[in-house]
Protein backbone atom coordinates (compact mmCIF):
# COMPACT_ATOMS: atom_id res chain seq x y z
CA UNK A 1 229.74 -37.43 308.63
CA UNK A 2 231.30 -40.75 307.68
CA UNK A 3 231.38 -42.18 304.18
CA UNK A 4 228.82 -44.91 304.84
CA UNK A 5 226.25 -42.45 306.14
CA UNK A 6 226.87 -40.17 303.17
CA UNK A 7 226.50 -43.11 300.76
CA UNK A 8 223.23 -44.13 302.44
CA UNK A 9 221.86 -40.60 302.12
CA UNK A 10 222.88 -40.52 298.48
CA UNK A 11 221.14 -43.84 297.93
CA UNK A 12 217.96 -42.57 299.59
CA UNK A 13 218.02 -39.43 297.44
CA UNK A 14 218.65 -41.50 294.30
CA UNK A 15 215.74 -43.84 295.12
CA UNK A 16 213.39 -40.91 295.70
CA UNK A 17 214.46 -39.26 292.44
CA UNK A 18 214.08 -42.57 290.57
CA UNK A 19 210.59 -43.19 291.99
CA UNK A 20 209.44 -39.67 291.12
CA UNK A 21 210.85 -39.83 287.60
CA UNK A 22 209.47 -43.30 287.03
CA UNK A 23 206.03 -42.23 288.19
CA UNK A 24 206.05 -39.21 285.88
CA UNK A 25 207.23 -41.34 282.96
CA UNK A 26 204.48 -43.90 283.63
CA UNK A 27 201.78 -41.23 283.66
CA UNK A 28 203.13 -39.78 280.42
CA UNK A 29 203.21 -43.19 278.73
CA UNK A 30 199.68 -44.03 279.88
CA UNK A 31 198.32 -40.69 278.64
CA UNK A 32 200.10 -41.13 275.32
CA UNK A 33 198.61 -44.60 274.99
CA UNK A 34 195.10 -43.22 275.58
CA UNK A 35 195.67 -40.48 273.02
CA UNK A 36 196.95 -42.89 270.36
CA UNK A 37 194.16 -45.40 270.94
CA UNK A 38 191.57 -42.62 270.75
CA UNK A 39 193.16 -41.43 267.51
CA UNK A 40 193.14 -44.96 266.07
CA UNK A 41 189.46 -45.43 266.90
CA UNK A 42 188.57 -42.34 264.88
CA UNK A 43 190.70 -43.00 261.79
CA UNK A 44 189.62 -45.09 258.86
CA UNK A 45 192.72 -44.65 256.71
CA UNK A 46 195.04 -46.75 258.91
CA UNK A 47 194.88 -50.42 257.87
CA UNK A 48 193.88 -53.08 260.40
CA UNK A 49 197.40 -54.51 260.38
CA UNK A 50 198.78 -51.12 261.41
CA UNK A 51 196.20 -50.77 264.18
CA UNK A 52 197.00 -54.28 265.38
CA UNK A 53 200.73 -53.53 265.47
CA UNK A 54 200.15 -50.36 267.45
CA UNK A 55 197.79 -52.18 269.79
CA UNK A 56 200.53 -54.74 270.52
CA UNK A 57 202.73 -51.95 271.86
CA UNK A 58 200.85 -52.40 275.11
CA UNK A 59 203.49 -54.98 276.02
CA UNK A 60 205.61 -52.09 277.26
CA UNK A 61 203.52 -52.03 280.45
CA UNK A 62 204.76 -55.47 281.46
CA UNK A 63 208.35 -54.50 280.71
CA UNK A 64 207.91 -51.26 282.66
CA UNK A 65 206.55 -53.13 285.68
CA UNK A 66 209.39 -55.67 285.48
CA UNK A 67 211.97 -52.88 285.31
CA UNK A 68 210.45 -51.14 288.34
CA UNK A 69 210.37 -54.38 290.32
CA UNK A 70 214.02 -55.07 289.45
CA UNK A 71 215.07 -51.55 290.45
CA UNK A 72 213.14 -51.77 293.74
CA UNK A 73 214.74 -55.13 294.49
CA UNK A 74 218.20 -53.71 293.83
CA UNK A 75 217.60 -50.70 296.07
CA UNK A 76 216.35 -53.04 298.79
CA UNK A 77 219.49 -55.18 298.54
CA UNK A 78 221.70 -52.13 298.89
CA UNK A 79 219.67 -50.82 301.85
CA UNK A 80 219.90 -54.26 303.49
CA UNK A 81 223.67 -54.19 302.98
CA UNK A 82 223.94 -50.81 304.70
CA UNK A 83 221.75 -52.03 307.57
CA UNK A 84 223.88 -55.17 307.95
CA UNK A 85 227.16 -53.26 308.02
CA UNK A 86 225.76 -50.74 310.51
CA UNK A 87 224.63 -53.57 312.77
CA UNK A 88 228.06 -55.23 312.55
CA UNK A 89 229.78 -51.95 313.42
CA UNK A 90 227.47 -51.44 316.40
CA UNK A 91 228.24 -54.96 317.66
CA UNK A 92 232.00 -54.36 317.28
CA UNK A 93 231.75 -51.08 319.18
CA UNK A 94 229.83 -52.77 322.01
CA UNK A 95 232.46 -55.52 322.26
CA UNK A 96 235.20 -52.93 322.62
CA UNK A 97 233.46 -51.44 325.66
């Protein structure tokens, strides 16, 4: 097995692991958000300012989506690079024939 093929397999494994971990983290964050918001609805002793500050934490969803999009774009660029180099190697091998 050559180094490029090994690197591509490692990249594929890394992407799969990242996607699985990211999905699990997203579910955990969403469930935690529901729990906190449910808790806030039932408490009277937390001031409105505190509830408002906690409610503004929802901005993490946008940042999470941006991070995922950036990571996906980076993985795609690397996969495109591997595809390009494989195509170039195939063309060189055909020319040698």
